[in-house]
Amino acid sequence: MNKVTTTIMEHALAAEHHRRVAALRAVASLELAKGAVVLLLGFGAVSLVHKDAWDVAEGLLHFLHVNPDHHRSAQVFLNLADNVTDAKLWAMAAGAMAYSIIRFVEAYGLWRARTWAEWFALISGAIYVPFEAYEAVRRATPVHVGVLLVNLGIVFYMLYLRLSAHREATQSELSG
């Protein structure tokens, strides 16, 4: 190969690497945001410990101008609040903390372009696909369909990265 061809190939490889890192960092940012939201929800659960959850739920509905007498889902929300105990709130907070830690570790690994994080994102994303597909079919709202499409995009991109790495490793073994 001549020097010009080598330079063009180096630029193409650098551009591909830049796109890969940018995509991984976009997914990492999404995972970080998911972890942060769930962590905040966990703190919200802890803030309800030793409080009357019914009163808090009723106040929230009042703030949102939702009349429980006219909205079935509001009544369900109040019934759920009536069954909340401090132990359940602590359990929800612990679950939120565990979920957030997993998302933060995944985000760190993706940000640093670690292979284990790509595998983790592929597997953890694929686990949710059947449930998200079911919800998108059951109630085809823009949110359900959007969540499914974003998750499928992440899963397929991670699969593409892992298959590409495998193909490159195989070609390297064959040529070397």
C-alpha atoms as a PDB file:
ATOM      1  CA  MET A   1       0.000   0.000   0.000  1.00  0.00           C
ATOM      2  CA  ASN A   2       1.160   3.509  -0.676  1.00  0.00           C
ATOM      3  CA  LYS A   3       1.311   6.315   1.859  1.00  0.00           C
ATOM      4  CA  VAL A   4      -1.917   7.991   0.651  1.00  0.00           C
ATOM      5  CA  THR A   5      -3.931   4.787   0.927  1.00  0.00           C
ATOM      6  CA  THR A   6      -2.535   4.138   4.406  1.00  0.00           C
ATOM      7  CA  THR A   7      -3.414   7.666   5.509  1.00  0.00           C
ATOM      8  CA  ILE A   8      -6.974   7.357   4.180  1.00  0.00           C
ATOM      9  CA  MET A   9      -7.413   4.042   5.986  1.00  0.00           C
ATOM     10  CA  GLU A  10      -6.051   5.540   9.226  1.00  0.00           C
ATOM     11  CA  HIS A  11      -8.503   8.445   8.976  1.00  0.00           C
ATOM     12  CA  ALA A  12     -11.393   6.066   8.296  1.00  0.00           C
ATOM     13  CA  LEU A  13     -10.453   3.952  11.309  1.00  0.00           C
ATOM     14  CA  ALA A  14     -10.133   7.053  13.495  1.00  0.00           C
ATOM     15  CA  ALA A  15     -13.548   8.301  12.355  1.00  0.00           C
ATOM     16  CA  GLU A  16     -15.109   4.882  13.042  1.00  0.00           C
ATOM     17  CA  HIS A  17     -13.541   4.828  16.518  1.00  0.00           C
ATOM     18  CA  HIS A  18     -14.869   8.330  17.203  1.00  0.00           C
ATOM     19  CA  ARG A  19     -18.411   7.305  16.151  1.00  0.00           C
ATOM     20  CA  ARG A  20     -18.204   4.176  18.317  1.00  0.00           C
ATOM     21  CA  VAL A  21     -17.094   6.134  21.382  1.00  0.00           C
ATOM     22  CA  ALA A  22     -19.787   8.777  20.801  1.00  0.00           C
ATOM     23  CA  ALA A  23     -22.487   6.085  20.548  1.00  0.00           C
ATOM     24  CA  LEU A  24     -21.238   4.292  23.656  1.00  0.00           C
ATOM     25  CA  ARG A  25     -21.202   7.561  25.571  1.00  0.00           C
ATOM     26  CA  ALA A  26     -24.757   8.324  24.458  1.00  0.00           C
ATOM     27  CA  VAL A  27     -25.899   4.960  25.811  1.00  0.00           C
ATOM     28  CA  ALA A  28     -23.832   5.540  28.972  1.00  0.00           C
ATOM     29  CA  SER A  29     -25.560   8.884  29.474  1.00  0.00           C
ATOM     30  CA  LEU A  30     -28.966   7.234  29.122  1.00  0.00           C
ATOM     31  CA  GLU A  31     -28.031   4.556  31.673  1.00  0.00           C
ATOM     32  CA  LEU A  32     -26.723   7.217  34.044  1.00  0.00           C
ATOM     33  CA  ALA A  33     -29.970   9.163  33.720  1.00  0.00           C
ATOM     34  CA  LYS A  34     -32.060   6.029  34.363  1.00  0.00           C
ATOM     35  CA  GLY A  35     -30.019   5.284  37.473  1.00  0.00           C
ATOM     36  CA  ALA A  36     -30.343   8.854  38.732  1.00  0.00           C
ATOM     37  CA  VAL A  37     -34.132   8.941  38.257  1.00  0.00           C
ATOM     38  CA  VAL A  38     -34.605   5.640  40.086  1.00  0.00           C
ATOM     39  CA  LEU A  39     -32.252   6.778  42.857  1.00  0.00           C
ATOM     40  CA  LEU A  40     -34.349   9.922  43.312  1.00  0.00           C
ATOM     41  CA  LEU A  41     -37.471   7.757  43.484  1.00  0.00           C
ATOM     42  CA  GLY A  42     -35.752   5.698  46.166  1.00  0.00           C
ATOM     43  CA  PHE A  43     -35.033   8.843  48.164  1.00  0.00           C
ATOM     44  CA  GLY A  44     -38.683   9.754  47.728  1.00  0.00           C
ATOM     45  CA  ALA A  45     -39.674   6.395  49.207  1.00  0.00           C
ATOM     46  CA  VAL A  46     -37.398   6.974  52.203  1.00  0.00           C
ATOM     47  CA  SER A  47     -38.887  10.430  52.699  1.00  0.00           C
ATOM     48  CA  LEU A  48     -42.289   8.791  53.226  1.00  0.00           C
ATOM     49  CA  VAL A  49     -41.090   6.595  56.110  1.00  0.00           C
ATOM     50  CA  HIS A  50     -43.044   7.381  59.306  1.00  0.00           C
ATOM     51  CA  LYS A  51     -45.561   9.433  57.331  1.00  0.00           C
ATOM     52  CA  ASP A  52     -49.139   8.697  56.365  1.00  0.00           C
ATOM     53  CA  ALA A  53     -48.771   7.696  52.717  1.00  0.00           C
ATOM     54  CA  TRP A  54     -52.523   8.174  52.174  1.00  0.00           C
ATOM     55  CA  ASP A  55     -52.256  11.839  53.159  1.00  0.00           C
ATOM     56  CA  VAL A  56     -49.230  12.334  50.921  1.00  0.00           C
ATOM     57  CA  ALA A  57     -50.982  10.624  47.970  1.00  0.00           C
ATOM     58  CA  GLU A  58     -54.150  12.626  48.551  1.00  0.00           C
ATOM     59  CA  GLY A  59     -52.120  15.845  48.680  1.00  0.00           C
ATOM     60  CA  LEU A  60     -50.380  14.935  45.431  1.00  0.00           C
ATOM     61  CA  LEU A  61     -53.697  14.261  43.705  1.00  0.00           C
ATOM     62  CA  HIS A  62     -55.051  17.568  45.013  1.00  0.00           C
ATOM     63  CA  PHE A  63     -51.934  19.376  43.742  1.00  0.00           C
ATOM     64  CA  LEU A  64     -52.436  17.774  40.309  1.00  0.00           C
ATOM     65  CA  HIS A  65     -56.156  18.654  40.371  1.00  0.00           C
ATOM     66  CA  VAL A  66     -57.187  15.007  40.078  1.00  0.00           C
ATOM     67  CA  ASN A  67     -60.488  14.074  41.667  1.00  0.00           C
ATOM     68  CA  PRO A  68     -60.373  10.464  42.971  1.00  0.00           C
ATOM     69  CA  ASP A  69     -64.152  10.215  42.626  1.00  0.00           C
ATOM     70  CA  HIS A  70     -63.901  10.711  38.864  1.00  0.00           C
ATOM     71  CA  HIS A  71     -60.683   8.846  38.059  1.00  0.00           C
ATOM     72  CA  ARG A  72     -60.419   5.123  38.713  1.00  0.00           C
ATOM     73  CA  SER A  73     -56.601   5.202  38.545  1.00  0.00           C
ATOM     74  CA  ALA A  74     -56.526   7.877  41.252  1.00  0.00           C
ATOM     75  CA  GLN A  75     -58.532   5.610  43.536  1.00  0.00           C
ATOM     76  CA  VAL A  76     -56.151   2.731  42.804  1.00  0.00           C
ATOM     77  CA  PHE A  77     -53.242   5.061  43.649  1.00  0.00           C
ATOM     78  CA  LEU A  78     -54.860   5.949  46.980  1.00  0.00           C
ATOM     79  CA  ASN A  79     -55.535   2.274  47.756  1.00  0.00           C
ATOM     80  CA  LEU A  80     -51.882   1.454  47.076  1.00  0.00           C
ATOM     81  CA  ALA A  81     -50.810   4.295  49.347  1.00  0.00           C
ATOM     82  CA  ASP A  82     -53.085   2.959  52.070  1.00  0.00           C
ATOM     83  CA  ASN A  83     -51.246  -0.404  51.969  1.00  0.00           C
ATOM     84  CA  VAL A  84     -47.732   1.039  52.153  1.00  0.00           C
ATOM     85  CA  THR A  85     -45.735   0.222  55.258  1.00  0.00           C
ATOM     86  CA  ASP A  86     -42.381   1.547  56.416  1.00  0.00           C
ATOM     87  CA  ALA A  87     -40.852  -1.877  55.667  1.00  0.00           C
ATOM     88  CA  LYS A  88     -42.166  -1.747  52.088  1.00  0.00           C
ATOM     89  CA  LEU A  89     -40.790   1.773  51.671  1.00  0.00           C
ATOM     90  CA  TRP A  90     -37.346   0.674  52.895  1.00  0.00           C
ATOM     91  CA  ALA A  91     -37.495  -2.338  50.542  1.00  0.00           C
ATOM     92  CA  MET A  92     -38.390  -0.083  47.608  1.00  0.00           C
ATOM     93  CA  ALA A  93     -35.528   2.244  48.513  1.00  0.00           C
ATOM     94  CA  ALA A  94     -33.093  -0.681  48.727  1.00  0.00           C
ATOM     95  CA  GLY A  95     -34.259  -1.967  45.348  1.00  0.00           C
ATOM     96  CA  ALA A  96     -33.888   1.497  43.860  1.00  0.00           C
ATOM     97  CA  MET A  97     -30.360   1.744  45.271  1.00  0.00           C
ATOM     98  CA  ALA A  98     -29.373  -1.654  43.846  1.00  0.00           C
ATOM     99  CA  TYR A  99     -30.837  -0.829  40.427  1.00  0.00           C
ATOM    100  CA  SER A 100     -29.095   2.561  40.412  1.00  0.00           C
ATOM    101  CA  ILE A 101     -25.730   1.084  41.315  1.00  0.00           C
ATOM    102  CA  ILE A 102     -26.050  -1.418  38.458  1.00  0.00           C
ATOM    103  CA  ARG A 103     -26.945   1.377  36.001  1.00  0.00           C
ATOM    104  CA  PHE A 104     -24.074   3.592  37.266  1.00  0.00           C
ATOM    105  CA  VAL A 105     -21.546   0.750  36.890  1.00  0.00           C
ATOM    106  CA  GLU A 106     -22.851   0.018  33.396  1.00  0.00           C
ATOM    107  CA  ALA A 107     -22.649   3.717  32.489  1.00  0.00           C
ATOM    108  CA  TYR A 108     -19.052   3.896  33.742  1.00  0.00           C
ATOM    109  CA  GLY A 109     -18.066   0.832  31.724  1.00  0.00           C
ATOM    110  CA  LEU A 110     -19.726   2.098  28.564  1.00  0.00           C
ATOM    111  CA  TRP A 111     -18.200   5.562  28.966  1.00  0.00           C
ATOM    112  CA  ARG A 112     -14.780   3.912  29.203  1.00  0.00           C
ATOM    113  CA  ALA A 113     -15.627   1.599  26.231  1.00  0.00           C
ATOM    114  CA  ARG A 114     -15.159  -1.579  28.245  1.00  0.00           C
ATOM    115  CA  THR A 115     -16.050  -4.871  26.594  1.00  0.00           C
ATOM    116  CA  TRP A 116     -17.742  -6.220  29.738  1.00  0.00           C
ATOM    117  CA  ALA A 117     -20.087  -3.202  29.737  1.00  0.00           C
ATOM    118  CA  GLU A 118     -21.049  -3.807  26.114  1.00  0.00           C
ATOM    119  CA  TRP A 119     -21.941  -7.405  27.005  1.00  0.00           C
ATOM    120  CA  PHE A 120     -23.806  -6.230  30.083  1.00  0.00           C
ATOM    121  CA  ALA A 121     -25.786  -3.644  28.088  1.00  0.00           C
ATOM    122  CA  LEU A 122     -26.605  -6.248  25.446  1.00  0.00           C
ATOM    123  CA  ILE A 123     -27.832  -8.834  27.944  1.00  0.00           C
ATOM    124  CA  SER A 124     -29.631  -6.491  30.338  1.00  0.00           C
ATOM    125  CA  GLY A 125     -31.330  -4.689  27.462  1.00  0.00           C
ATOM    126  CA  ALA A 126     -32.377  -7.947  25.796  1.00  0.00           C
ATOM    127  CA  ILE A 127     -34.005  -9.116  29.040  1.00  0.00           C
ATOM    128  CA  TYR A 128     -36.451  -6.181  28.917  1.00  0.00           C
ATOM    129  CA  VAL A 129     -37.383  -6.516  25.216  1.00  0.00           C
ATOM    130  CA  PRO A 130     -40.155  -9.132  25.607  1.00  0.00           C
ATOM    131  CA  PHE A 131     -41.832  -7.130  28.389  1.00  0.00           C
ATOM    132  CA  GLU A 132     -41.538  -3.865  26.470  1.00  0.00           C
ATOM    133  CA  ALA A 133     -42.865  -5.535  23.307  1.00  0.00           C
ATOM    134  CA  TYR A 134     -45.816  -6.928  25.247  1.00  0.00           C
ATOM    135  CA  GLU A 135     -46.628  -3.466  26.631  1.00  0.00           C
ATOM    136  CA  ALA A 136     -46.230  -1.856  23.199  1.00  0.00           C
ATOM    137  CA  VAL A 137     -48.667  -4.367  21.701  1.00  0.00           C
ATOM    138  CA  ARG A 138     -51.065  -4.285  24.645  1.00  0.00           C
ATOM    139  CA  ARG A 139     -51.209  -0.491  24.763  1.00  0.00           C
ATOM    140  CA  ALA A 140     -49.495   1.077  21.780  1.00  0.00           C
ATOM    141  CA  THR A 141     -48.699   4.501  23.214  1.00  0.00           C
ATOM    142  CA  PRO A 142     -45.844   6.643  21.902  1.00  0.00           C
ATOM    143  CA  VAL A 143     -44.017   6.094  25.202  1.00  0.00           C
ATOM    144  CA  HIS A 144     -44.280   2.278  25.075  1.00  0.00           C
ATOM    145  CA  VAL A 145     -43.268   2.139  21.425  1.00  0.00           C
ATOM    146  CA  GLY A 146     -40.471   4.678  21.962  1.00  0.00           C
ATOM    147  CA  VAL A 147     -39.004   2.788  24.924  1.00  0.00           C
ATOM    148  CA  LEU A 148     -39.098  -0.452  22.924  1.00  0.00           C
ATOM    149  CA  LEU A 149     -37.428   1.138  19.891  1.00  0.00           C
ATOM    150  CA  VAL A 150     -34.685   2.810  21.929  1.00  0.00           C
ATOM    151  CA  ASN A 151     -33.962  -0.416  23.802  1.00  0.00           C
ATOM    152  CA  LEU A 152     -33.932  -2.437  20.574  1.00  0.00           C
ATOM    153  CA  GLY A 153     -31.538   0.101  19.066  1.00  0.00           C
ATOM    154  CA  ILE A 154     -29.192  -0.274  22.032  1.00  0.00           C
ATOM    155  CA  VAL A 155     -29.406  -4.078  22.008  1.00  0.00           C
ATOM    156  CA  PHE A 156     -28.737  -4.306  18.259  1.00  0.00           C
ATOM    157  CA  TYR A 157     -25.881  -1.800  18.463  1.00  0.00           C
ATOM    158  CA  MET A 158     -24.215  -3.728  21.287  1.00  0.00           C
ATOM    159  CA  LEU A 159     -24.712  -6.947  19.305  1.00  0.00           C
ATOM    160  CA  TYR A 160     -23.125  -5.274  16.273  1.00  0.00           C
ATOM    161  CA  LEU A 161     -20.123  -4.181  18.381  1.00  0.00           C
ATOM    162  CA  ARG A 162     -19.619  -7.643  19.858  1.00  0.00           C
ATOM    163  CA  LEU A 163     -19.972  -9.401  16.490  1.00  0.00           C
ATOM    164  CA  SER A 164     -17.582  -6.904  14.875  1.00  0.00           C
ATOM    165  CA  ALA A 165     -15.007  -7.476  17.608  1.00  0.00           C
ATOM    166  CA  HIS A 166     -15.358 -11.244  17.199  1.00  0.00           C
ATOM    167  CA  ARG A 167     -14.981 -10.963  13.425  1.00  0.00           C
ATOM    168  CA  GLU A 168     -11.860  -8.765  13.808  1.00  0.00           C
ATOM    169  CA  ALA A 169     -10.334 -11.187  16.312  1.00  0.00           C
ATOM    170  CA  THR A 170     -11.016 -14.140  13.993  1.00  0.00           C
ATOM    171  CA  GLN A 171      -9.493 -12.339  10.997  1.00  0.00           C
ATOM    172  CA  SER A 172      -6.474 -11.367  13.078  1.00  0.00           C
ATOM    173  CA  GLU A 173      -5.944 -14.997  14.137  1.00  0.00           C
ATOM    174  CA  LEU A 174      -6.250 -16.215  10.543  1.00  0.00           C
ATOM    175  CA  SER A 175      -3.820 -13.657   9.151  1.00  0.00           C
ATOM    176  CA  GLY A 176      -1.321 -13.861  12.011  1.00  0.00           C
END
